[in-house]
Amino acid sequence: MRKLEYRSPRVQAEFGVDFIAGTEHFRGACVDISEMGVRASFREHVAVGKVGSLILHHPQQRMAIPARVVYLVRNEVGFVFCEHTLRDRELVSHLMGVLHTR
């Protein structure tokens, strides 16, 4: 029997992201976002397990949230937010609301 795990609802998105891990800097585009993380596409290879600052460049709000790479499928990278504050969660929730209503 397969264990079912809850997955946060995702909202499709189209805006720029940067991922900075130490001295490495990756530029990409957000594909979708949830309260738990982001899926983004990158041209460069981003290694699973890498931890850094994920910067979201939405026209209405810009934010930087600590994140960890949890998967890589072709050019799409899955990030989970780590150690994000209550304020970060509120900003992500607001951003998801903005994206959901467009």
C-alpha atoms as a PDB file:
ATOM      1  CA  MET A   1       0.000   0.000   0.000  1.00  0.00           C
ATOM      2  CA  ARG A   2       1.334   3.406  -0.963  1.00  0.00           C
ATOM      3  CA  LYS A   3       1.481   6.140   1.669  1.00  0.00           C
ATOM      4  CA  LEU A   4      -0.257   9.332   0.569  1.00  0.00           C
ATOM      5  CA  GLU A   5       1.497  12.551   1.459  1.00  0.00           C
ATOM      6  CA  TYR A   6      -0.093  15.977   1.445  1.00  0.00           C
ATOM      7  CA  ARG A   7       1.327  18.333  -1.149  1.00  0.00           C
ATOM      8  CA  SER A   8       0.682  22.054  -0.859  1.00  0.00           C
ATOM      9  CA  PRO A   9      -1.437  23.534  -3.668  1.00  0.00           C
ATOM     10  CA  ARG A  10       0.653  25.141  -6.390  1.00  0.00           C
ATOM     11  CA  VAL A  11      -0.031  28.249  -8.432  1.00  0.00           C
ATOM     12  CA  GLN A  12       1.438  28.690 -11.906  1.00  0.00           C
ATOM     13  CA  ALA A  13       3.841  31.595 -12.176  1.00  0.00           C
ATOM     14  CA  GLU A  14       5.998  33.392 -14.732  1.00  0.00           C
ATOM     15  CA  PHE A  15       8.644  35.646 -13.245  1.00  0.00           C
ATOM     16  CA  GLY A  16      12.396  35.669 -12.794  1.00  0.00           C
ATOM     17  CA  VAL A  17      14.276  33.964  -9.982  1.00  0.00           C
ATOM     18  CA  ASP A  18      17.890  33.929  -8.859  1.00  0.00           C
ATOM     19  CA  PHE A  19      19.452  31.214  -6.719  1.00  0.00           C
ATOM     20  CA  ILE A  20      22.642  32.146  -4.896  1.00  0.00           C
ATOM     21  CA  ALA A  21      24.572  29.371  -3.158  1.00  0.00           C
ATOM     22  CA  GLY A  22      27.925  30.526  -1.842  1.00  0.00           C
ATOM     23  CA  THR A  23      29.788  31.980  -4.813  1.00  0.00           C
ATOM     24  CA  GLU A  24      27.484  30.377  -7.407  1.00  0.00           C
ATOM     25  CA  HIS A  25      24.713  32.439  -8.989  1.00  0.00           C
ATOM     26  CA  PHE A  26      21.969  30.888 -11.147  1.00  0.00           C
ATOM     27  CA  ARG A  27      19.283  32.798 -13.070  1.00  0.00           C
ATOM     28  CA  GLY A  28      16.027  31.165 -14.015  1.00  0.00           C
ATOM     29  CA  ALA A  29      12.259  31.468 -14.294  1.00  0.00           C
ATOM     30  CA  CYS A  30       9.602  30.439 -11.784  1.00  0.00           C
ATOM     31  CA  VAL A  31       7.217  27.776 -13.107  1.00  0.00           C
ATOM     32  CA  ASP A  32       4.995  27.445 -10.044  1.00  0.00           C
ATOM     33  CA  ILE A  33       4.961  28.266  -6.350  1.00  0.00           C
ATOM     34  CA  SER A  34       3.425  26.813  -3.198  1.00  0.00           C
ATOM     35  CA  GLU A  35       3.630  27.673   0.479  1.00  0.00           C
ATOM     36  CA  MET A  36       6.382  25.054   0.753  1.00  0.00           C
ATOM     37  CA  GLY A  37       8.577  25.923  -2.223  1.00  0.00           C
ATOM     38  CA  VAL A  38       9.100  26.736  -5.884  1.00  0.00           C
ATOM     39  CA  ARG A  39       9.625  24.901  -9.152  1.00  0.00           C
ATOM     40  CA  ALA A  40      11.821  26.875 -11.541  1.00  0.00           C
ATOM     41  CA  SER A  41      13.606  26.296 -14.832  1.00  0.00           C
ATOM     42  CA  PHE A  42      17.327  26.973 -15.242  1.00  0.00           C
ATOM     43  CA  ARG A  43      19.740  26.636 -18.164  1.00  0.00           C
ATOM     44  CA  GLU A  44      22.602  25.719 -15.841  1.00  0.00           C
ATOM     45  CA  HIS A  45      22.823  22.540 -13.781  1.00  0.00           C
ATOM     46  CA  VAL A  46      21.852  23.145 -10.146  1.00  0.00           C
ATOM     47  CA  ALA A  47      22.888  20.261  -7.879  1.00  0.00           C
ATOM     48  CA  VAL A  48      20.374  18.536  -5.618  1.00  0.00           C
ATOM     49  CA  GLY A  49      21.084  19.284  -1.964  1.00  0.00           C
ATOM     50  CA  LYS A  50      22.500  22.757  -2.605  1.00  0.00           C
ATOM     51  CA  VAL A  51      21.309  25.366  -0.081  1.00  0.00           C
ATOM     52  CA  GLY A  52      21.196  29.096  -0.672  1.00  0.00           C
ATOM     53  CA  SER A  53      19.032  32.156  -1.125  1.00  0.00           C
ATOM     54  CA  LEU A  54      16.178  31.954  -3.632  1.00  0.00           C
ATOM     55  CA  ILE A  55      15.270  35.438  -4.842  1.00  0.00           C
ATOM     56  CA  LEU A  56      11.810  35.847  -6.372  1.00  0.00           C
ATOM     57  CA  HIS A  57      11.472  38.798  -8.783  1.00  0.00           C
ATOM     58  CA  HIS A  58       7.715  39.267  -9.139  1.00  0.00           C
ATOM     59  CA  PRO A  59       6.752  42.749 -10.442  1.00  0.00           C
ATOM     60  CA  GLN A  60       4.633  43.443  -7.337  1.00  0.00           C
ATOM     61  CA  GLN A  61       7.083  42.131  -4.764  1.00  0.00           C
ATOM     62  CA  ARG A  62      10.650  40.925  -4.524  1.00  0.00           C
ATOM     63  CA  MET A  63      11.751  38.568  -1.777  1.00  0.00           C
ATOM     64  CA  ALA A  64      14.704  36.398  -0.810  1.00  0.00           C
ATOM     65  CA  ILE A  65      14.007  33.145   1.033  1.00  0.00           C
ATOM     66  CA  PRO A  66      16.458  30.449   2.183  1.00  0.00           C
ATOM     67  CA  ALA A  67      15.863  27.344   0.059  1.00  0.00           C
ATOM     68  CA  ARG A  68      17.263  23.887  -0.672  1.00  0.00           C
ATOM     69  CA  VAL A  69      17.259  22.055  -4.009  1.00  0.00           C
ATOM     70  CA  VAL A  70      15.272  18.831  -3.567  1.00  0.00           C
ATOM     71  CA  TYR A  71      14.976  17.558  -7.135  1.00  0.00           C
ATOM     72  CA  LEU A  72      16.116  18.126 -10.688  1.00  0.00           C
ATOM     73  CA  VAL A  73      14.168  16.916 -13.727  1.00  0.00           C
ATOM     74  CA  ARG A  74      15.720  18.002 -17.039  1.00  0.00           C
ATOM     75  CA  ASN A  75      15.994  21.777 -16.627  1.00  0.00           C
ATOM     76  CA  GLU A  76      13.394  22.108 -13.851  1.00  0.00           C
ATOM     77  CA  VAL A  77      14.570  22.447 -10.267  1.00  0.00           C
ATOM     78  CA  GLY A  78      12.432  21.872  -7.194  1.00  0.00           C
ATOM     79  CA  PHE A  79      13.170  24.048  -4.162  1.00  0.00           C
ATOM     80  CA  VAL A  80      11.821  23.702  -0.654  1.00  0.00           C
ATOM     81  CA  PHE A  81      11.865  26.761   1.570  1.00  0.00           C
ATOM     82  CA  CYS A  82      13.948  26.241   4.707  1.00  0.00           C
ATOM     83  CA  GLU A  83      14.051  28.331   7.839  1.00  0.00           C
ATOM     84  CA  HIS A  84      11.624  30.849   6.427  1.00  0.00           C
ATOM     85  CA  THR A  85      10.042  33.289   8.840  1.00  0.00           C
ATOM     86  CA  LEU A  86       6.398  34.064   9.494  1.00  0.00           C
ATOM     87  CA  ARG A  87       6.868  37.200   7.365  1.00  0.00           C
ATOM     88  CA  ASP A  88       8.259  35.075   4.502  1.00  0.00           C
ATOM     89  CA  ARG A  89       5.235  32.774   4.720  1.00  0.00           C
ATOM     90  CA  GLU A  90       2.881  35.772   4.673  1.00  0.00           C
ATOM     91  CA  LEU A  91       4.642  37.240   1.611  1.00  0.00           C
ATOM     92  CA  VAL A  92       4.506  33.899  -0.246  1.00  0.00           C
ATOM     93  CA  SER A  93       0.832  33.495   0.640  1.00  0.00           C
ATOM     94  CA  HIS A  94       0.101  37.027  -0.621  1.00  0.00           C
ATOM     95  CA  LEU A  95       2.057  36.381  -3.829  1.00  0.00           C
ATOM     96  CA  MET A  96       0.118  33.157  -4.425  1.00  0.00           C
ATOM     97  CA  GLY A  97      -3.139  35.108  -4.018  1.00  0.00           C
ATOM     98  CA  VAL A  98      -1.989  37.691  -6.562  1.00  0.00           C
ATOM     99  CA  LEU A  99      -0.998  34.966  -9.024  1.00  0.00           C
ATOM    100  CA  HIS A 100      -4.202  32.984  -8.480  1.00  0.00           C
ATOM    101  CA  THR A 101      -6.457  35.958  -9.332  1.00  0.00           C
ATOM    102  CA  ARG A 102      -4.811  36.824 -12.653  1.00  0.00           C
END
